[in-house]
Amino acid sequence: MPNIILPINERVSTVIRQLAAFLPKRNVEAYLVGGYIRDSLLGRSTQDIDIAVSGNAITLAQEAAQHLDGKFVLLNHTDGVARVILSELHLDFSTIQGTIAEDLAKRDFTINAMAVSFSGIENNPAIIDPNNGENDIRLKTTRAISDDVFRQDPLRLLRAIRHVTELGFDIDRKTRKLIERDAHLVAEVAGERACNELCAIIATKQAYSALRLMDGMGLLSPLLPELADCKGIEQPKEHKWDVFDHSIETVATVDQLFADLEAGRNGLAEIPWTNELALHFSEELSSGHLRMTILKIAALLHDIGKPVTKSFQENGRMRFLGHSNAGAQMAKRIMTRLRFSAKEIKIVESIIEQHLRPTQLSSDWEMPTHRAIYRYFRDTEDNAFDILLLSLADHHAAKGHLLDSDHWAHHIQLIKYVIQKHYKESSVVKPPKLIDGNDLIKLGVKPGPKMGAILEAIREAQAAGEIADTEDAINLAKRLFN
């Protein structure tokens, strides 16, 4: 049996050494357990350290937080689980249930059911592995500890998928059958826990494969029934897939665009990626999820309004009038149910509501006017780039092999044009202020909606190049006021 190796990350090594000196003095048995052991054997760095103790885990966590100058967070008083936060590191303390072997037998998968005693940890003690998890790591297999693991905690259903996407593991045949048997239980998982696991899955580069796997094993429908309602909803002949498959394909295309971004290449859409775009999509939102992850959530849900808005005109033409607004409201309800943050919900709501906007900026294969570009960035605010990227992914994922090269080239040119205007012509996107409310008051305009409308009309005219200075703005204000 191999021995545990302290990580290369010096910060983690230092914390483990400090715990090795601290815990034995409390007269308790203490073990490194779970994902830390797994990741160590895989050579993966980790910021999460799980610690099982024979004493009161909550009390020990409080003492450890004080000893390490960290922040104590109570996670579960009933089960005795607490966390110590040390900057980027999370130390999760739990109370051992019975012996360490009995405790490991109650965990989810064999690859997470290993332990190393803190006693003599710097001498590389052998791994405690009663369930043969080390062999499953070597085989890259996720195997359930028992037949009841998913009934004990349905969140494990999603965690199995996360192991597939994050670790590149397979799920063994028996465990697959258990997941299919208990898939309906995923609907019982608390919203916040389901949200975190779903985002961890979506955040990976294998989001498309993971979603297909979830659907094939019966997990997607109980978790997102509104998305399941899109199955079999046919679209006009210009589309290759029904609404459900198109939604999954859109996530795949967004991932491909992000892969181009990370590689610094133009790639699929030949978009001129900039450092500003890279920073935008790597923004960490209030919940800790990245903006690029939330965009993929929006891509997955962007057409969920189609089933409820599908109609046919007298000539037989299929329409989905209002599906953007309907979908935005449905997405809001879904994300509220899953306990996404208010900011994330607002972002996705805006992206879905506006996802058709880029292709409506101009007609007849022309590039948008400055006025149209100004209005676009005004209305979409911080989500402008997200909507542009989704617009491209939506187009590409609708056509598949039916993609018309001329239409695709025009769409790329349009998105590039809008992005370049944002960076190269700030006077179009955010024209400098020429006059303000005080100037309008001198003209006799009273504060209120009319004043706001006049100021907005001046900004639009300025962005369009129709006025250039304060005198022009005053003259226009007079005409509008009169």
Protein backbone atom coordinates (compact mmCIF):
# COMPACT_ATOMS: atom_id res chain seq x y z
CA MET A 1 0.00 0.00 0.00
CA PRO A 2 1.45 3.40 -0.93
CA ASN A 3 2.01 6.02 1.71
CA ILE A 4 0.48 9.46 1.75
CA ILE A 5 2.73 12.21 0.48
CA LEU A 6 2.53 15.72 1.83
CA PRO A 7 1.53 18.07 -1.00
CA ILE A 8 3.93 20.21 -2.96
CA ASN A 9 1.80 23.21 -1.98
CA GLU A 10 3.83 24.60 0.91
CA ARG A 11 0.83 26.34 2.45
CA VAL A 12 -1.11 23.06 2.73
CA SER A 13 1.98 21.22 4.02
CA THR A 14 2.47 23.84 6.70
CA VAL A 15 -1.14 23.60 7.86
CA ILE A 16 -1.01 19.80 8.03
CA ARG A 17 2.19 19.94 10.09
CA GLN A 18 0.58 22.44 12.43
CA LEU A 19 -2.44 20.16 12.84
CA ALA A 20 -0.15 17.18 13.41
CA ALA A 21 1.39 19.05 16.33
CA PHE A 22 -1.94 20.40 17.60
CA LEU A 23 -4.41 17.48 17.42
CA PRO A 24 -2.52 14.70 19.29
CA LYS A 25 -2.27 16.99 22.31
CA ARG A 26 -6.08 16.97 22.57
CA ASN A 27 -6.10 13.23 23.37
CA VAL A 28 -8.23 12.33 20.36
CA GLU A 29 -7.75 10.12 17.35
CA ALA A 30 -7.54 12.33 14.28
CA TYR A 31 -7.34 11.38 10.61
CA LEU A 32 -7.00 12.98 7.22
CA VAL A 33 -9.87 11.49 5.24
CA GLY A 34 -11.80 11.61 1.99
CA GLY A 35 -10.98 13.78 -0.97
CA TYR A 36 -7.60 14.91 0.34
CA ILE A 37 -6.26 11.33 0.29
CA ARG A 38 -7.76 10.73 -3.15
CA ASP A 39 -6.28 13.89 -4.61
CA SER A 40 -2.90 13.20 -3.05
CA LEU A 41 -2.75 9.80 -4.76
CA LEU A 42 -3.79 11.45 -8.03
CA GLY A 43 -1.18 14.17 -7.70
CA ARG A 44 -3.87 16.85 -7.67
CA SER A 45 -3.61 19.99 -5.59
CA THR A 46 -6.55 20.64 -3.30
CA GLN A 47 -7.73 23.45 -1.07
CA ASP A 48 -10.17 21.26 0.89
CA ILE A 49 -8.87 19.19 3.80
CA ASP A 50 -11.26 16.80 5.56
CA ILE A 51 -10.42 15.81 9.12
CA ALA A 52 -12.24 13.14 11.16
CA VAL A 53 -11.78 13.16 14.94
CA SER A 54 -12.93 10.84 17.73
CA GLY A 55 -13.84 13.76 19.99
CA ASN A 56 -16.22 16.70 19.62
CA ALA A 57 -15.47 17.98 16.14
CA ILE A 58 -17.17 21.32 16.71
CA THR A 59 -15.13 22.09 19.83
CA LEU A 60 -11.91 20.95 18.16
CA ALA A 61 -12.66 23.08 15.11
CA GLN A 62 -13.18 26.11 17.33
CA GLU A 63 -9.85 25.49 19.05
CA ALA A 64 -8.11 24.86 15.71
CA ALA A 65 -9.51 28.11 14.30
CA GLN A 66 -8.04 30.00 17.23
CA HIS A 67 -4.73 28.10 17.05
CA LEU A 68 -4.37 28.67 13.29
CA ASP A 69 -5.81 32.18 13.30
CA GLY A 70 -8.68 31.10 11.05
CA LYS A 71 -12.44 31.63 10.88
CA PHE A 72 -14.79 29.10 12.50
CA VAL A 73 -18.02 28.17 10.65
CA LEU A 74 -20.60 25.74 12.07
CA LEU A 75 -21.89 23.54 9.25
CA ASN A 76 -24.07 20.95 10.99
CA HIS A 77 -24.60 20.93 14.75
CA THR A 78 -26.61 17.68 14.75
CA ASP A 79 -23.96 15.63 12.93
CA GLY A 80 -21.05 17.51 14.50
CA VAL A 81 -19.51 19.11 11.40
CA ALA A 82 -17.63 22.43 11.36
CA ARG A 83 -15.26 24.31 9.09
CA VAL A 84 -12.14 26.37 9.64
CA ILE A 85 -11.38 28.84 6.86
CA LEU A 86 -7.75 29.83 6.35
CA SER A 87 -7.76 32.24 3.44
CA GLU A 88 -8.14 29.91 0.42
CA LEU A 89 -8.04 26.69 2.51
CA HIS A 90 -11.08 24.94 4.01
CA LEU A 91 -10.57 22.50 6.92
CA ASP A 92 -13.73 20.47 7.51
CA PHE A 93 -13.92 18.70 10.89
CA SER A 94 -16.34 15.82 11.43
CA THR A 95 -16.91 13.40 14.30
CA ILE A 96 -15.95 9.77 13.71
CA GLN A 97 -18.93 7.42 13.82
CA GLY A 98 -17.61 4.35 15.66
CA THR A 99 -14.14 3.18 14.63
CA ILE A 100 -12.35 4.77 11.72
CA ALA A 101 -13.13 1.68 9.60
CA GLU A 102 -16.82 1.92 10.51
CA ASP A 103 -16.78 5.63 9.73
CA LEU A 104 -15.22 5.06 6.31
CA ALA A 105 -17.86 2.40 5.55
CA LYS A 106 -20.53 5.10 5.86
CA ARG A 107 -19.00 7.33 3.18
CA ASP A 108 -20.09 7.61 -0.46
CA PHE A 109 -17.49 6.07 -2.78
CA THR A 110 -14.48 3.86 -2.24
CA ILE A 111 -12.14 6.53 -3.60
CA ASN A 112 -13.31 8.85 -0.81
CA ALA A 113 -13.22 6.22 1.95
CA MET A 114 -9.53 6.26 2.87
CA ALA A 115 -7.78 7.79 5.85
CA VAL A 116 -4.34 8.58 7.27
CA SER A 117 -3.72 9.03 10.97
CA PHE A 118 -2.26 12.35 12.11
CA SER A 119 -0.12 10.35 14.48
CA GLY A 120 3.31 10.29 12.88
CA ILE A 121 1.97 11.77 9.63
CA GLU A 122 5.32 13.32 8.73
CA ASN A 123 6.82 9.81 8.63
CA ASN A 124 4.47 8.90 5.75
CA PRO A 125 2.19 6.39 7.51
CA ALA A 126 0.29 3.81 5.44
CA ILE A 127 -3.16 4.63 4.14
CA ILE A 128 -6.11 3.03 5.89
CA ASP A 129 -8.09 1.61 2.97
CA PRO A 130 -10.63 -1.07 4.03
CA ASN A 131 -12.72 -0.63 0.84
CA ASN A 132 -9.92 -0.92 -1.72
CA GLY A 133 -10.30 2.68 -2.84
CA GLU A 134 -6.67 2.95 -3.92
CA ASN A 135 -7.25 0.23 -6.50
CA ASP A 136 -10.33 2.04 -7.82
CA ILE A 137 -8.23 5.18 -8.16
CA ARG A 138 -5.75 3.22 -10.21
CA LEU A 139 -8.64 1.92 -12.35
CA LYS A 140 -10.18 5.42 -12.53
CA THR A 141 -13.49 4.04 -11.26
CA THR A 142 -16.17 5.59 -9.09
CA ARG A 143 -17.71 2.77 -7.03
CA ALA A 144 -20.42 3.14 -4.38
CA ILE A 145 -19.54 1.88 -0.88
CA SER A 146 -22.95 0.23 -0.45
CA ASP A 147 -26.35 -0.16 -2.08
CA ASP A 148 -27.84 2.56 0.12
CA VAL A 149 -25.37 5.41 -0.40
CA PHE A 150 -27.71 7.45 -2.57
CA ARG A 151 -30.73 6.86 -0.35
CA GLN A 152 -28.71 8.04 2.64
CA ASP A 153 -27.80 11.27 0.85
CA PRO A 154 -29.20 11.91 -2.66
CA LEU A 155 -26.60 14.65 -3.23
CA ARG A 156 -24.19 11.79 -3.89
CA LEU A 157 -26.02 11.21 -7.17
CA LEU A 158 -24.63 14.50 -8.46
CA ARG A 159 -21.27 13.95 -6.80
CA ALA A 160 -20.82 10.77 -8.84
CA ILE A 161 -21.23 12.83 -12.01
CA ARG A 162 -18.77 15.41 -10.69
CA HIS A 163 -16.15 12.68 -10.22
CA VAL A 164 -16.62 11.77 -13.87
CA THR A 165 -16.14 15.34 -15.06
CA GLU A 166 -13.47 16.59 -12.66
CA LEU A 167 -11.38 13.44 -12.33
CA GLY A 168 -12.03 11.79 -15.68
CA PHE A 169 -13.29 8.64 -13.93
CA ASP A 170 -15.90 6.13 -15.06
CA ILE A 171 -18.79 4.89 -12.95
CA ASP A 172 -18.79 1.12 -12.46
CA ARG A 173 -21.76 -0.87 -13.75
CA LYS A 174 -23.35 -1.65 -10.39
CA THR A 175 -23.11 1.96 -9.26
CA ARG A 176 -24.73 3.09 -12.52
CA LYS A 177 -27.70 0.83 -11.80
CA LEU A 178 -27.97 2.24 -8.29
CA ILE A 179 -27.97 5.79 -9.70
CA GLU A 180 -30.66 4.92 -12.23
CA ARG A 181 -32.72 3.30 -9.45
CA ASP A 182 -32.46 6.30 -7.13
CA ALA A 183 -32.27 9.13 -9.70
CA HIS A 184 -35.67 10.51 -8.71
CA LEU A 185 -34.31 11.29 -5.23
CA VAL A 186 -32.17 14.12 -6.64
CA ALA A 187 -35.30 16.29 -6.51
CA GLU A 188 -35.15 16.06 -2.71
CA VAL A 189 -31.68 17.60 -2.43
CA ALA A 190 -31.66 21.02 -0.76
CA GLY A 191 -31.42 23.77 -3.37
CA GLU A 192 -28.11 25.23 -2.28
CA ARG A 193 -26.36 21.83 -2.16
CA ALA A 194 -27.73 20.88 -5.60
CA CYS A 195 -26.68 24.28 -6.96
CA ASN A 196 -23.07 23.88 -5.85
CA GLU A 197 -22.74 20.39 -7.32
CA LEU A 198 -24.45 21.37 -10.58
CA CYS A 199 -22.18 24.40 -10.96
CA ALA A 200 -19.10 22.28 -10.23
CA ILE A 201 -20.19 19.95 -13.05
CA ILE A 202 -21.07 22.76 -15.46
CA ALA A 203 -17.82 24.59 -14.71
CA THR A 204 -15.70 21.78 -16.18
CA LYS A 205 -14.73 21.48 -19.82
CA GLN A 206 -16.78 18.26 -19.96
CA ALA A 207 -20.10 19.97 -19.20
CA TYR A 208 -21.70 18.68 -22.41
CA SER A 209 -20.75 15.05 -21.74
CA ALA A 210 -21.82 15.38 -18.10
CA LEU A 211 -25.26 16.70 -19.08
CA ARG A 212 -25.72 13.87 -21.55
CA LEU A 213 -24.67 11.38 -18.85
CA MET A 214 -27.06 12.93 -16.34
CA ASP A 215 -29.89 12.74 -18.85
CA GLY A 216 -29.08 9.15 -19.76
CA MET A 217 -29.13 8.10 -16.10
CA GLY A 218 -32.37 9.91 -15.31
CA LEU A 219 -30.92 12.73 -13.20
CA LEU A 220 -31.61 15.76 -15.36
CA SER A 221 -35.42 15.53 -15.49
CA PRO A 222 -36.09 15.50 -11.72
CA LEU A 223 -33.49 18.21 -11.15
CA LEU A 224 -34.61 20.48 -14.03
CA PRO A 225 -38.13 19.37 -15.07
CA GLU A 226 -38.60 22.58 -17.06
CA LEU A 227 -35.69 21.59 -19.28
CA ALA A 228 -37.07 18.07 -19.65
CA ASP A 229 -40.29 19.62 -20.98
CA CYS A 230 -38.24 20.77 -23.99
CA LYS A 231 -37.75 17.19 -25.17
CA GLY A 232 -39.56 16.48 -28.41
CA ILE A 233 -40.41 20.15 -29.00
CA GLU A 234 -39.67 20.44 -32.69
CA GLN A 235 -38.34 23.63 -34.23
CA PRO A 236 -38.45 25.11 -37.75
CA LYS A 237 -36.59 23.27 -40.48
CA GLU A 238 -33.60 25.58 -40.08
CA HIS A 239 -32.86 23.81 -36.79
CA LYS A 240 -31.18 20.43 -36.62
CA TRP A 241 -32.29 19.51 -33.09
CA ASP A 242 -35.38 19.79 -30.93
CA VAL A 243 -35.33 22.39 -28.14
CA PHE A 244 -33.82 20.06 -25.53
CA ASP A 245 -30.94 18.79 -27.66
CA HIS A 246 -30.31 22.29 -29.00
CA SER A 247 -29.94 23.55 -25.42
CA ILE A 248 -27.34 20.89 -24.60
CA GLU A 249 -25.51 21.58 -27.87
CA THR A 250 -25.42 25.28 -27.03
CA VAL A 251 -23.55 24.51 -23.80
CA ALA A 252 -21.04 22.49 -25.84
CA THR A 253 -20.48 25.40 -28.22
CA VAL A 254 -19.98 27.86 -25.35
CA ASP A 255 -17.36 25.48 -23.96
CA GLN A 256 -15.65 25.40 -27.34
CA LEU A 257 -15.58 29.20 -27.45
CA PHE A 258 -14.10 29.31 -23.94
CA ALA A 259 -11.48 26.75 -24.96
CA ASP A 260 -10.44 29.13 -27.73
CA LEU A 261 -10.29 31.95 -25.21
CA GLU A 262 -8.05 30.02 -22.82
CA ALA A 263 -5.78 28.92 -25.64
CA GLY A 264 -5.51 32.46 -26.96
CA ARG A 265 -6.69 31.48 -30.43
CA ASN A 266 -9.47 32.78 -32.62
CA GLY A 267 -10.78 29.28 -33.22
CA LEU A 268 -14.45 28.54 -33.84
CA ALA A 269 -15.73 32.09 -34.12
CA GLU A 270 -12.51 33.98 -34.86
CA ILE A 271 -13.39 36.40 -32.09
CA PRO A 272 -10.54 38.77 -31.19
CA TRP A 273 -10.14 37.67 -27.58
CA THR A 274 -8.68 40.31 -25.30
CA ASN A 275 -7.41 40.37 -21.73
CA GLU A 276 -10.52 42.36 -20.85
CA LEU A 277 -12.76 39.57 -22.15
CA ALA A 278 -10.72 36.95 -20.30
CA LEU A 279 -11.04 38.92 -17.06
CA HIS A 280 -14.75 39.41 -17.65
CA PHE A 281 -15.54 35.72 -17.96
CA SER A 282 -13.21 34.72 -15.11
CA GLU A 283 -14.94 37.13 -12.71
CA GLU A 284 -15.85 35.41 -9.44
CA LEU A 285 -19.42 36.26 -8.50
CA SER A 286 -20.82 36.63 -4.99
CA SER A 287 -21.31 32.88 -4.53
CA GLY A 288 -17.82 31.95 -5.70
CA HIS A 289 -19.00 30.68 -9.10
CA LEU A 290 -17.25 32.12 -12.15
CA ARG A 291 -19.14 34.21 -14.68
CA MET A 292 -18.29 31.71 -17.42
CA THR A 293 -20.05 29.00 -15.38
CA ILE A 294 -23.16 31.16 -15.01
CA LEU A 295 -23.12 31.85 -18.76
CA LYS A 296 -23.23 28.09 -19.35
CA ILE A 297 -26.22 27.87 -17.00
CA ALA A 298 -27.87 30.57 -19.14
CA ALA A 299 -27.00 28.64 -22.30
CA LEU A 300 -28.62 25.52 -20.87
CA LEU A 301 -31.82 27.39 -20.00
CA HIS A 302 -31.99 29.98 -22.77
CA ASP A 303 -34.85 28.33 -24.69
CA ILE A 304 -36.94 26.84 -21.86
CA GLY A 305 -39.67 29.34 -22.71
CA LYS A 306 -40.27 27.73 -26.11
CA PRO A 307 -42.64 24.91 -25.08
CA VAL A 308 -45.10 27.36 -23.51
CA THR A 309 -44.93 29.88 -26.37
CA LYS A 310 -44.99 27.57 -29.39
CA SER A 311 -47.70 28.45 -31.92
CA PHE A 312 -48.48 28.22 -35.63
CA GLN A 313 -49.55 30.97 -38.00
CA GLU A 314 -52.28 30.50 -40.58
CA ASN A 315 -49.66 29.73 -43.21
CA GLY A 316 -48.31 26.94 -40.99
CA ARG A 317 -45.20 28.82 -39.92
CA MET A 318 -43.98 27.80 -36.48
CA ARG A 319 -43.37 30.63 -34.01
CA PHE A 320 -42.12 31.02 -30.42
CA LEU A 321 -43.22 34.59 -29.83
CA GLY A 322 -42.16 35.92 -26.45
CA HIS A 323 -40.07 32.88 -25.54
CA SER A 324 -37.17 35.06 -24.38
CA ASN A 325 -39.25 36.86 -21.77
CA ALA A 326 -41.06 33.69 -20.74
CA GLY A 327 -37.76 31.81 -20.49
CA ALA A 328 -36.17 34.55 -18.41
CA GLN A 329 -38.98 34.31 -15.85
CA MET A 330 -38.82 30.50 -15.81
CA ALA A 331 -35.05 30.61 -15.32
CA LYS A 332 -35.55 33.03 -12.44
CA ARG A 333 -37.87 30.55 -10.72
CA ILE A 334 -35.52 27.62 -11.35
CA MET A 335 -32.49 29.45 -10.00
CA THR A 336 -34.42 30.73 -6.99
CA ARG A 337 -35.42 27.14 -6.24
CA LEU A 338 -31.77 26.09 -6.48
CA ARG A 339 -30.67 28.96 -4.24
CA PHE A 340 -28.43 30.75 -6.72
CA SER A 341 -27.39 34.19 -5.53
CA ALA A 342 -29.52 37.21 -6.40
CA LYS A 343 -26.75 38.54 -8.65
CA GLU A 344 -26.45 35.25 -10.56
CA ILE A 345 -30.21 35.10 -11.07
CA LYS A 346 -30.27 38.66 -12.37
CA ILE A 347 -27.42 37.93 -14.79
CA VAL A 348 -29.07 34.83 -16.25
CA GLU A 349 -32.45 36.54 -16.42
CA SER A 350 -30.91 39.40 -18.42
CA ILE A 351 -28.92 37.09 -20.73
CA ILE A 352 -31.96 34.98 -21.63
CA GLU A 353 -34.25 37.96 -22.01
CA GLN A 354 -31.79 39.65 -24.39
CA HIS A 355 -30.27 36.62 -26.13
CA LEU A 356 -31.87 37.48 -29.51
CA ARG A 357 -30.82 41.12 -29.29
CA PRO A 358 -27.46 40.93 -31.16
CA THR A 359 -29.08 39.64 -34.34
CA GLN A 360 -31.70 42.38 -34.12
CA LEU A 361 -29.16 45.22 -34.07
CA SER A 362 -29.29 45.64 -37.83
CA SER A 363 -30.94 44.28 -40.96
CA ASP A 364 -30.07 43.50 -44.54
CA TRP A 365 -26.58 42.29 -43.66
CA GLU A 366 -25.52 45.76 -42.54
CA MET A 367 -23.46 46.53 -39.47
CA PRO A 368 -25.33 48.22 -36.58
CA THR A 369 -25.55 51.99 -36.39
CA HIS A 370 -23.80 53.80 -33.56
CA ARG A 371 -27.19 54.52 -32.05
CA ALA A 372 -28.06 50.80 -32.03
CA ILE A 373 -24.73 49.91 -30.42
CA TYR A 374 -25.18 52.59 -27.78
CA ARG A 375 -28.63 51.25 -26.92
CA TYR A 376 -27.35 47.68 -26.82
CA PHE A 377 -24.63 48.38 -24.24
CA ARG A 378 -26.97 50.68 -22.32
CA ASP A 379 -29.64 47.99 -22.00
CA THR A 380 -27.41 44.96 -21.41
CA GLU A 381 -24.91 46.67 -19.08
CA ASP A 382 -22.37 44.22 -17.59
CA ASN A 383 -23.90 41.27 -19.44
CA ALA A 384 -23.24 42.57 -22.95
CA PHE A 385 -20.34 40.21 -23.71
CA ASP A 386 -22.16 37.21 -22.25
CA ILE A 387 -25.10 37.85 -24.57
CA LEU A 388 -22.82 38.24 -27.60
CA LEU A 389 -21.13 34.93 -26.87
CA LEU A 390 -24.43 33.14 -26.30
CA SER A 391 -25.74 34.58 -29.57
CA LEU A 392 -22.89 32.94 -31.45
CA ALA A 393 -23.27 29.63 -29.61
CA ASP A 394 -27.04 29.68 -30.17
CA HIS A 395 -26.56 30.16 -33.93
CA HIS A 396 -23.92 27.44 -34.28
CA ALA A 397 -25.81 24.95 -32.10
CA ALA A 398 -29.03 25.48 -34.05
CA LYS A 399 -27.58 24.47 -37.40
CA GLY A 400 -25.06 21.70 -36.87
CA HIS A 401 -24.07 20.38 -40.28
CA LEU A 402 -26.76 22.66 -41.79
CA LEU A 403 -24.68 25.73 -40.92
CA ASP A 404 -24.71 28.23 -43.78
CA SER A 405 -21.16 29.54 -44.14
CA ASP A 406 -22.24 32.98 -45.37
CA HIS A 407 -24.72 33.55 -42.54
CA TRP A 408 -22.19 32.29 -40.00
CA ALA A 409 -19.47 34.58 -41.37
CA HIS A 410 -21.84 37.54 -41.17
CA HIS A 411 -22.78 36.69 -37.59
CA ILE A 412 -19.10 36.52 -36.62
CA GLN A 413 -18.45 39.84 -38.34
CA LEU A 414 -21.37 41.40 -36.45
CA ILE A 415 -20.15 40.21 -33.04
CA LYS A 416 -16.58 41.30 -33.79
CA TYR A 417 -17.82 44.71 -34.89
CA VAL A 418 -19.79 45.26 -31.70
CA ILE A 419 -16.89 44.13 -29.48
CA GLN A 420 -14.41 46.33 -31.33
CA LYS A 421 -16.72 49.34 -31.03
CA HIS A 422 -16.83 48.79 -27.29
CA TYR A 423 -13.05 48.86 -26.94
CA LYS A 424 -12.09 51.32 -29.66
CA GLU A 425 -14.92 53.85 -29.62
CA SER A 426 -15.92 54.54 -26.04
CA SER A 427 -17.68 57.70 -27.23
CA VAL A 428 -20.25 55.43 -28.87
CA VAL A 429 -20.74 53.08 -25.93
CA LYS A 430 -20.46 55.63 -23.12
CA PRO A 431 -20.40 59.15 -24.54
CA PRO A 432 -18.95 61.77 -22.16
CA LYS A 433 -21.53 63.97 -20.45
CA LEU A 434 -22.20 67.24 -22.30
CA ILE A 435 -24.94 68.66 -20.09
CA ASP A 436 -26.78 67.57 -16.94
CA GLY A 437 -30.01 68.19 -15.10
CA ASN A 438 -28.85 71.58 -13.81
CA ASP A 439 -28.45 72.80 -17.38
CA LEU A 440 -31.98 71.66 -18.20
CA ILE A 441 -33.42 73.37 -15.12
CA LYS A 442 -32.00 76.66 -16.47
CA LEU A 443 -34.01 75.99 -19.63
CA GLY A 444 -37.16 75.55 -17.58
CA VAL A 445 -37.26 71.74 -17.52
CA LYS A 446 -38.49 70.41 -14.19
CA PRO A 447 -36.92 67.33 -12.58
CA GLY A 448 -38.83 64.19 -13.48
CA PRO A 449 -39.40 61.66 -16.29
CA LYS A 450 -39.32 64.32 -19.01
CA MET A 451 -35.89 65.54 -17.88
CA GLY A 452 -34.58 61.97 -17.91
CA ALA A 453 -36.00 61.39 -21.39
CA ILE A 454 -34.32 64.55 -22.73
CA LEU A 455 -30.93 63.63 -21.24
CA GLU A 456 -31.20 60.13 -22.70
CA ALA A 457 -32.13 61.50 -26.14
CA ILE A 458 -29.06 63.75 -25.99
CA ARG A 459 -26.80 60.81 -25.13
CA GLU A 460 -28.22 58.81 -28.04
CA ALA A 461 -27.73 61.69 -30.47
CA GLN A 462 -24.18 62.13 -29.17
CA ALA A 463 -23.39 58.42 -29.63
CA ALA A 464 -24.86 58.57 -33.14
CA GLY A 465 -22.57 61.52 -34.00
CA GLU A 466 -25.47 63.91 -34.50
CA ILE A 467 -24.22 66.36 -31.88
CA ALA A 468 -20.64 67.02 -30.77
CA ASP A 469 -20.45 69.66 -28.04
CA THR A 470 -22.33 71.45 -25.25
CA GLU A 471 -23.84 74.00 -27.60
CA ASP A 472 -25.29 71.24 -29.77
CA ALA A 473 -26.66 69.53 -26.68
CA ILE A 474 -28.31 72.72 -25.40
CA ASN A 475 -29.90 73.38 -28.78
CA LEU A 476 -31.24 69.85 -28.98
CA ALA A 477 -32.56 70.08 -25.44
CA LYS A 478 -34.43 73.27 -26.35
CA ARG A 479 -36.03 71.61 -29.37
CA LEU A 480 -37.02 68.56 -27.36
CA PHE A 481 -38.39 70.64 -24.50
CA ASN A 482 -40.47 72.80 -26.80
